[in-house]
Amino acid sequence: MSRAKISIYVDEVVWQEFKAYVMGKHGKLHGVLGEEVTKALEDCLSRVAAPKSAEAQLYRILRAIIELNKVVDDILEVRE
């Protein structure tokens, strides 16, 4: 997956709440903030825009599988 560097202005309160959410979820911002912004944008798009192709649907399924694998890895790591 390629990444794009962006610079945007957002509501300060919303941004602080989002960063607090990411910090609570990951315990850090560095290295995960961009991933969480991407997930939030994907979630928003999935709710308001129907997938335009089978390729888009497959991409979303693969992203979900990757996220599920991360959760499983985290669970296994805790068990050790």
PDB file of N, CA and C in Angstrom:
ATOM      1  N   MET A   1       0.853  -1.172   0.000  1.00  0.00           N
ATOM      2  CA  MET A   1       0.000   0.000   0.000  1.00  0.00           C
ATOM      3  C   MET A   1       0.895   1.230   0.000  1.00  0.00           C
ATOM      4  N   SER A   2       0.651   2.119  -0.919  1.00  0.00           N
ATOM      5  CA  SER A   2       1.406   3.374  -0.931  1.00  0.00           C
ATOM      6  C   SER A   2       0.742   4.356   0.025  1.00  0.00           C
ATOM      7  N   ARG A   3       1.527   5.308   0.477  1.00  0.00           N
ATOM      8  CA  ARG A   3       1.017   6.287   1.438  1.00  0.00           C
ATOM      9  C   ARG A   3       1.164   7.681   0.848  1.00  0.00           C
ATOM     10  N   ALA A   4       0.248   8.574   1.206  1.00  0.00           N
ATOM     11  CA  ALA A   4       0.270   9.960   0.740  1.00  0.00           C
ATOM     12  C   ALA A   4       0.469  10.885   1.935  1.00  0.00           C
ATOM     13  N   LYS A   5       1.370  11.828   1.798  1.00  0.00           N
ATOM     14  CA  LYS A   5       1.571  12.853   2.821  1.00  0.00           C
ATOM     15  C   LYS A   5       0.513  13.923   2.597  1.00  0.00           C
ATOM     16  N   ILE A   6      -0.257  14.237   3.662  1.00  0.00           N
ATOM     17  CA  ILE A   6      -1.308  15.242   3.521  1.00  0.00           C
ATOM     18  C   ILE A   6      -1.156  16.299   4.598  1.00  0.00           C
ATOM     19  N   SER A   7      -1.718  17.444   4.340  1.00  0.00           N
ATOM     20  CA  SER A   7      -1.748  18.516   5.318  1.00  0.00           C
ATOM     21  C   SER A   7      -3.134  19.142   5.238  1.00  0.00           C
ATOM     22  N   ILE A   8      -3.879  19.039   6.339  1.00  0.00           N
ATOM     23  CA  ILE A   8      -5.253  19.531   6.350  1.00  0.00           C
ATOM     24  C   ILE A   8      -5.537  20.246   7.660  1.00  0.00           C
ATOM     25  N   TYR A   9      -6.593  21.012   7.690  1.00  0.00           N
ATOM     26  CA  TYR A   9      -7.063  21.657   8.906  1.00  0.00           C
ATOM     27  C   TYR A   9      -8.345  20.961   9.340  1.00  0.00           C
ATOM     28  N   VAL A  10      -8.395  20.580  10.618  1.00  0.00           N
ATOM     29  CA  VAL A  10      -9.592  19.964  11.170  1.00  0.00           C
ATOM     30  C   VAL A  10      -9.937  20.666  12.480  1.00  0.00           C
ATOM     31  N   ASP A  11     -11.142  20.459  12.944  1.00  0.00           N
ATOM     32  CA  ASP A  11     -11.578  21.037  14.202  1.00  0.00           C
ATOM     33  C   ASP A  11     -10.635  20.585  15.317  1.00  0.00           C
ATOM     34  N   GLU A  12     -10.140  21.519  16.096  1.00  0.00           N
ATOM     35  CA  GLU A  12      -9.146  21.243  17.143  1.00  0.00           C
ATOM     36  C   GLU A  12      -9.668  20.247  18.183  1.00  0.00           C
ATOM     37  N   VAL A  13     -10.912  20.411  18.607  1.00  0.00           N
ATOM     38  CA  VAL A  13     -11.478  19.521  19.623  1.00  0.00           C
ATOM     39  C   VAL A  13     -11.605  18.097  19.079  1.00  0.00           C
ATOM     40  N   VAL A  14     -12.094  17.977  17.855  1.00  0.00           N
ATOM     41  CA  VAL A  14     -12.232  16.656  17.235  1.00  0.00           C
ATOM     42  C   VAL A  14     -10.861  15.996  17.104  1.00  0.00           C
ATOM     43  N   TRP A  15      -9.847  16.758  16.694  1.00  0.00           N
ATOM     44  CA  TRP A  15      -8.498  16.220  16.532  1.00  0.00           C
ATOM     45  C   TRP A  15      -7.938  15.733  17.868  1.00  0.00           C
ATOM     46  N   GLN A  16      -8.139  16.521  18.917  1.00  0.00           N
ATOM     47  CA  GLN A  16      -7.647  16.125  20.239  1.00  0.00           C
ATOM     48  C   GLN A  16      -8.365  14.864  20.724  1.00  0.00           C
ATOM     49  N   GLU A  17      -9.661  14.766  20.480  1.00  0.00           N
ATOM     50  CA  GLU A  17     -10.417  13.577  20.866  1.00  0.00           C
ATOM     51  C   GLU A  17      -9.938  12.352  20.094  1.00  0.00           C
ATOM     52  N   PHE A  18      -9.662  12.543  18.797  1.00  0.00           N
ATOM     53  CA  PHE A  18      -9.179  11.434  17.976  1.00  0.00           C
ATOM     54  C   PHE A  18      -7.815  10.954  18.465  1.00  0.00           C
ATOM     55  N   LYS A  19      -6.925  11.904  18.748  1.00  0.00           N
ATOM     56  CA  LYS A  19      -5.598  11.521  19.242  1.00  0.00           C
ATOM     57  C   LYS A  19      -5.701  10.824  20.596  1.00  0.00           C
ATOM     58  N   ALA A  20      -6.609  11.267  21.458  1.00  0.00           N
ATOM     59  CA  ALA A  20      -6.807  10.613  22.753  1.00  0.00           C
ATOM     60  C   ALA A  20      -7.304   9.179  22.554  1.00  0.00           C
ATOM     61  N   TYR A  21      -8.186   8.988  21.583  1.00  0.00           N
ATOM     62  CA  TYR A  21      -8.680   7.647  21.257  1.00  0.00           C
ATOM     63  C   TYR A  21      -7.519   6.753  20.814  1.00  0.00           C
ATOM     64  N   VAL A  22      -6.682   7.261  19.907  1.00  0.00           N
ATOM     65  CA  VAL A  22      -5.546   6.480  19.400  1.00  0.00           C
ATOM     66  C   VAL A  22      -4.568   6.174  20.535  1.00  0.00           C
ATOM     67  N   MET A  23      -4.291   7.147  21.374  1.00  0.00           N
ATOM     68  CA  MET A  23      -3.389   6.939  22.510  1.00  0.00           C
ATOM     69  C   MET A  23      -3.950   5.872  23.445  1.00  0.00           C
ATOM     70  N   GLY A  24      -5.236   5.920  23.701  1.00  0.00           N
ATOM     71  CA  GLY A  24      -5.855   4.926  24.561  1.00  0.00           C
ATOM     72  C   GLY A  24      -5.820   3.529  23.965  1.00  0.00           C
ATOM     73  N   LYS A  25      -5.956   3.455  22.667  1.00  0.00           N
ATOM     74  CA  LYS A  25      -5.972   2.162  21.986  1.00  0.00           C
ATOM     75  C   LYS A  25      -4.579   1.561  21.882  1.00  0.00           C
ATOM     76  N   HIS A  26      -3.579   2.413  21.557  1.00  0.00           N
ATOM     77  CA  HIS A  26      -2.233   1.912  21.260  1.00  0.00           C
ATOM     78  C   HIS A  26      -1.185   2.278  22.309  1.00  0.00           C
ATOM     79  N   GLY A  27      -1.501   3.244  23.160  1.00  0.00           N
ATOM     80  CA  GLY A  27      -0.510   3.685  24.136  1.00  0.00           C
ATOM     81  C   GLY A  27       0.573   4.561  23.538  1.00  0.00           C
ATOM     82  N   LYS A  28       0.388   4.962  22.300  1.00  0.00           N
ATOM     83  CA  LYS A  28       1.345   5.830  21.607  1.00  0.00           C
ATOM     84  C   LYS A  28       0.656   6.429  20.386  1.00  0.00           C
ATOM     85  N   LEU A  29       1.275   7.459  19.834  1.00  0.00           N
ATOM     86  CA  LEU A  29       0.776   8.055  18.594  1.00  0.00           C
ATOM     87  C   LEU A  29       1.710   7.750  17.426  1.00  0.00           C
ATOM     88  N   HIS A  30       3.010   7.832  17.694  1.00  0.00           N
ATOM     89  CA  HIS A  30       4.006   7.642  16.638  1.00  0.00           C
ATOM     90  C   HIS A  30       3.874   6.256  16.018  1.00  0.00           C
ATOM     91  N   GLY A  31       3.749   6.223  14.709  1.00  0.00           N
ATOM     92  CA  GLY A  31       3.673   4.958  13.991  1.00  0.00           C
ATOM     93  C   GLY A  31       2.280   4.394  13.831  1.00  0.00           C
ATOM     94  N   VAL A  32       1.308   4.928  14.580  1.00  0.00           N
ATOM     95  CA  VAL A  32      -0.049   4.382  14.481  1.00  0.00           C
ATOM     96  C   VAL A  32      -1.097   5.434  14.142  1.00  0.00           C
ATOM     97  N   LEU A  33      -0.753   6.700  14.301  1.00  0.00           N
ATOM     98  CA  LEU A  33      -1.729   7.755  14.058  1.00  0.00           C
ATOM     99  C   LEU A  33      -2.208   7.741  12.606  1.00  0.00           C
ATOM    100  N   GLY A  34      -1.285   7.632  11.664  1.00  0.00           N
ATOM    101  CA  GLY A  34      -1.655   7.587  10.251  1.00  0.00           C
ATOM    102  C   GLY A  34      -2.525   6.385   9.919  1.00  0.00           C
ATOM    103  N   GLU A  35      -2.190   5.234  10.515  1.00  0.00           N
ATOM    104  CA  GLU A  35      -2.997   4.029  10.294  1.00  0.00           C
ATOM    105  C   GLU A  35      -4.427   4.242  10.772  1.00  0.00           C
ATOM    106  N   GLU A  36      -4.560   4.874  11.932  1.00  0.00           N
ATOM    107  CA  GLU A  36      -5.898   5.097  12.481  1.00  0.00           C
ATOM    108  C   GLU A  36      -6.676   6.132  11.681  1.00  0.00           C
ATOM    109  N   VAL A  37      -6.007   7.151  11.157  1.00  0.00           N
ATOM    110  CA  VAL A  37      -6.685   8.115  10.285  1.00  0.00           C
ATOM    111  C   VAL A  37      -7.175   7.399   9.031  1.00  0.00           C
ATOM    112  N   THR A  38      -6.329   6.536   8.464  1.00  0.00           N
ATOM    113  CA  THR A  38      -6.713   5.769   7.279  1.00  0.00           C
ATOM    114  C   THR A  38      -7.926   4.905   7.571  1.00  0.00           C
ATOM    115  N   LYS A  39      -7.913   4.205   8.705  1.00  0.00           N
ATOM    116  CA  LYS A  39      -9.053   3.356   9.069  1.00  0.00           C
ATOM    117  C   LYS A  39     -10.323   4.180   9.235  1.00  0.00           C
ATOM    118  N   ALA A  40     -10.198   5.345   9.864  1.00  0.00           N
ATOM    119  CA  ALA A  40     -11.370   6.200  10.065  1.00  0.00           C
ATOM    120  C   ALA A  40     -11.937   6.666   8.726  1.00  0.00           C
ATOM    121  N   LEU A  41     -11.064   7.029   7.799  1.00  0.00           N
ATOM    122  CA  LEU A  41     -11.522   7.458   6.472  1.00  0.00           C
ATOM    123  C   LEU A  41     -12.177   6.295   5.731  1.00  0.00           C
ATOM    124  N   GLU A  42     -11.565   5.114   5.806  1.00  0.00           N
ATOM    125  CA  GLU A  42     -12.144   3.936   5.152  1.00  0.00           C
ATOM    126  C   GLU A  42     -13.505   3.604   5.734  1.00  0.00           C
ATOM    127  N   ASP A  43     -13.618   3.686   7.067  1.00  0.00           N
ATOM    128  CA  ASP A  43     -14.891   3.409   7.726  1.00  0.00           C
ATOM    129  C   ASP A  43     -15.962   4.387   7.260  1.00  0.00           C
ATOM    130  N   CYS A  44     -15.591   5.650   7.206  1.00  0.00           N
ATOM    131  CA  CYS A  44     -16.534   6.676   6.750  1.00  0.00           C
ATOM    132  C   CYS A  44     -16.979   6.397   5.313  1.00  0.00           C
ATOM    133  N   LEU A  45     -16.010   6.096   4.443  1.00  0.00           N
ATOM    134  CA  LEU A  45     -16.345   5.829   3.044  1.00  0.00           C
ATOM    135  C   LEU A  45     -17.215   4.589   2.894  1.00  0.00           C
ATOM    136  N   SER A  46     -16.952   3.570   3.694  1.00  0.00           N
ATOM    137  CA  SER A  46     -17.743   2.346   3.581  1.00  0.00           C
ATOM    138  C   SER A  46     -19.198   2.584   3.977  1.00  0.00           C
ATOM    139  N   ARG A  47     -19.419   3.586   4.831  1.00  0.00           N
ATOM    140  CA  ARG A  47     -20.786   3.891   5.263  1.00  0.00           C
ATOM    141  C   ARG A  47     -21.532   4.763   4.267  1.00  0.00           C
ATOM    142  N   VAL A  48     -20.822   5.646   3.559  1.00  0.00           N
ATOM    143  CA  VAL A  48     -21.519   6.611   2.698  1.00  0.00           C
ATOM    144  C   VAL A  48     -21.389   6.312   1.211  1.00  0.00           C
ATOM    145  N   ALA A  49     -20.424   5.495   0.840  1.00  0.00           N
ATOM    146  CA  ALA A  49     -20.223   5.206  -0.584  1.00  0.00           C
ATOM    147  C   ALA A  49     -20.164   3.696  -0.782  1.00  0.00           C
ATOM    148  N   ALA A  50     -21.005   3.189  -1.647  1.00  0.00           N
ATOM    149  CA  ALA A  50     -20.979   1.762  -1.958  1.00  0.00           C
ATOM    150  C   ALA A  50     -19.688   1.437  -2.702  1.00  0.00           C
ATOM    151  N   PRO A  51     -19.127   0.261  -2.460  1.00  0.00           N
ATOM    152  CA  PRO A  51     -17.931  -0.126  -3.212  1.00  0.00           C
ATOM    153  C   PRO A  51     -18.193  -0.048  -4.712  1.00  0.00           C
ATOM    154  N   LYS A  52     -17.228   0.488  -5.432  1.00  0.00           N
ATOM    155  CA  LYS A  52     -17.417   0.701  -6.859  1.00  0.00           C
ATOM    156  C   LYS A  52     -17.027  -0.501  -7.689  1.00  0.00           C
ATOM    157  N   SER A  53     -16.328  -1.456  -7.079  1.00  0.00           N
ATOM    158  CA  SER A  53     -15.897  -2.606  -7.852  1.00  0.00           C
ATOM    159  C   SER A  53     -15.633  -3.786  -6.929  1.00  0.00           C
ATOM    160  N   ALA A  54     -15.504  -4.946  -7.543  1.00  0.00           N
ATOM    161  CA  ALA A  54     -15.142  -6.138  -6.784  1.00  0.00           C
ATOM    162  C   ALA A  54     -13.762  -5.959  -6.173  1.00  0.00           C
ATOM    163  N   GLU A  55     -12.889  -5.239  -6.870  1.00  0.00           N
ATOM    164  CA  GLU A  55     -11.539  -4.988  -6.359  1.00  0.00           C
ATOM    165  C   GLU A  55     -11.595  -4.173  -5.059  1.00  0.00           C
ATOM    166  N   ALA A  56     -12.474  -3.191  -5.001  1.00  0.00           N
ATOM    167  CA  ALA A  56     -12.625  -2.383  -3.787  1.00  0.00           C
ATOM    168  C   ALA A  56     -13.152  -3.233  -2.641  1.00  0.00           C
ATOM    169  N   GLN A  57     -14.093  -4.126  -2.934  1.00  0.00           N
ATOM    170  CA  GLN A  57     -14.624  -5.018  -1.905  1.00  0.00           C
ATOM    171  C   GLN A  57     -13.533  -5.951  -1.403  1.00  0.00           C
ATOM    172  N   LEU A  58     -12.748  -6.493  -2.313  1.00  0.00           N
ATOM    173  CA  LEU A  58     -11.655  -7.389  -1.933  1.00  0.00           C
ATOM    174  C   LEU A  58     -10.636  -6.662  -1.077  1.00  0.00           C
ATOM    175  N   TYR A  59     -10.330  -5.431  -1.434  1.00  0.00           N
ATOM    176  CA  TYR A  59      -9.382  -4.632  -0.663  1.00  0.00           C
ATOM    177  C   TYR A  59      -9.880  -4.464   0.775  1.00  0.00           C
ATOM    178  N   ARG A  60     -11.157  -4.149   0.949  1.00  0.00           N
ATOM    179  CA  ARG A  60     -11.713  -3.980   2.294  1.00  0.00           C
ATOM    180  C   ARG A  60     -11.678  -5.288   3.088  1.00  0.00           C
ATOM    181  N   ILE A  61     -11.964  -6.401   2.421  1.00  0.00           N
ATOM    182  CA  ILE A  61     -11.914  -7.697   3.085  1.00  0.00           C
ATOM    183  C   ILE A  61     -10.488  -8.015   3.519  1.00  0.00           C
ATOM    184  N   LEU A  62      -9.526  -7.765   2.643  1.00  0.00           N
ATOM    185  CA  LEU A  62      -8.130  -8.026   2.983  1.00  0.00           C
ATOM    186  C   LEU A  62      -7.669  -7.150   4.137  1.00  0.00           C
ATOM    187  N   ARG A  63      -8.087  -5.892   4.152  1.00  0.00           N
ATOM    188  CA  ARG A  63      -7.737  -5.000   5.273  1.00  0.00           C
ATOM    189  C   ARG A  63      -8.322  -5.538   6.585  1.00  0.00           C
ATOM    190  N   ALA A  64      -9.549  -6.040   6.529  1.00  0.00           N
ATOM    191  CA  ALA A  64     -10.169  -6.595   7.726  1.00  0.00           C
ATOM    192  C   ALA A  64      -9.414  -7.831   8.203  1.00  0.00           C
ATOM    193  N   ILE A  65      -8.974  -8.667   7.281  1.00  0.00           N
ATOM    194  CA  ILE A  65      -8.199  -9.862   7.637  1.00  0.00           C
ATOM    195  C   ILE A  65      -6.881  -9.465   8.272  1.00  0.00           C
ATOM    196  N   ILE A  66      -6.224  -8.462   7.723  1.00  0.00           N
ATOM    197  CA  ILE A  66      -4.956  -7.986   8.288  1.00  0.00           C
ATOM    198  C   ILE A  66      -5.173  -7.486   9.706  1.00  0.00           C
ATOM    199  N   GLU A  67      -6.238  -6.721   9.918  1.00  0.00           N
ATOM    200  CA  GLU A  67      -6.535  -6.209  11.257  1.00  0.00           C
ATOM    201  C   GLU A  67      -6.853  -7.348  12.214  1.00  0.00           C
ATOM    202  N   LEU A  68      -7.597  -8.333  11.745  1.00  0.00           N
ATOM    203  CA  LEU A  68      -7.916  -9.488  12.579  1.00  0.00           C
ATOM    204  C   LEU A  68      -6.637 -10.244  12.958  1.00  0.00           C
ATOM    205  N   ASN A  69      -5.723 -10.392  12.014  1.00  0.00           N
ATOM    206  CA  ASN A  69      -4.447 -11.049  12.302  1.00  0.00           C
ATOM    207  C   ASN A  69      -3.660 -10.290  13.358  1.00  0.00           C
ATOM    208  N   LYS A  70      -3.706  -8.960  13.317  1.00  0.00           N
ATOM    209  CA  LYS A  70      -3.021  -8.161  14.334  1.00  0.00           C
ATOM    210  C   LYS A  70      -3.616  -8.414  15.710  1.00  0.00           C
ATOM    211  N   VAL A  71      -4.931  -8.492  15.778  1.00  0.00           N
ATOM    212  CA  VAL A  71      -5.603  -8.744  17.050  1.00  0.00           C
ATOM    213  C   VAL A  71      -5.217 -10.126  17.574  1.00  0.00           C
ATOM    214  N   VAL A  72      -5.216 -11.126  16.704  1.00  0.00           N
ATOM    215  CA  VAL A  72      -4.837 -12.476  17.106  1.00  0.00           C
ATOM    216  C   VAL A  72      -3.393 -12.490  17.600  1.00  0.00           C
ATOM    217  N   ASP A  73      -2.496 -11.825  16.892  1.00  0.00           N
ATOM    218  CA  ASP A  73      -1.096 -11.746  17.317  1.00  0.00           C
ATOM    219  C   ASP A  73      -0.984 -11.100  18.691  1.00  0.00           C
ATOM    220  N   ASP A  74      -1.751 -10.030  18.924  1.00  0.00           N
ATOM    221  CA  ASP A  74      -1.735  -9.362  20.226  1.00  0.00           C
ATOM    222  C   ASP A  74      -2.223 -10.292  21.328  1.00  0.00           C
ATOM    223  N   ILE A  75      -3.270 -11.047  21.044  1.00  0.00           N
ATOM    224  CA  ILE A  75      -3.801 -11.988  22.032  1.00  0.00           C
ATOM    225  C   ILE A  75      -2.768 -13.070  22.337  1.00  0.00           C
ATOM    226  N   LEU A  76      -2.150 -13.610  21.307  1.00  0.00           N
ATOM    227  CA  LEU A  76      -1.147 -14.654  21.512  1.00  0.00           C
ATOM    228  C   LEU A  76       0.048 -14.121  22.270  1.00  0.00           C
ATOM    229  N   GLU A  77       0.423 -12.880  22.003  1.00  0.00           N
ATOM    230  CA  GLU A  77       1.551 -12.261  22.687  1.00  0.00           C
ATOM    231  C   GLU A  77       1.255 -12.103  24.178  1.00  0.00           C
ATOM    232  N   VAL A  78       0.031 -11.749  24.517  1.00  0.00           N
ATOM    233  CA  VAL A  78      -0.362 -11.581  25.911  1.00  0.00           C
ATOM    234  C   VAL A  78      -0.349 -12.929  26.633  1.00  0.00           C
ATOM    235  N   ARG A  79      -0.729 -13.981  25.935  1.00  0.00           N
ATOM    236  CA  ARG A  79      -0.798 -15.306  26.532  1.00  0.00           C
ATOM    237  C   ARG A  79       0.593 -15.849  26.877  1.00  0.00           C
ATOM    238  N   GLU A  80       1.619 -15.411  26.176  1.00  0.00           N
ATOM    239  CA  GLU A  80       2.960 -15.954  26.387  1.00  0.00           C
ATOM    240  C   GLU A  80       3.578 -15.522  27.661  1.00  0.00           C
TER     241      GLU A  80
END
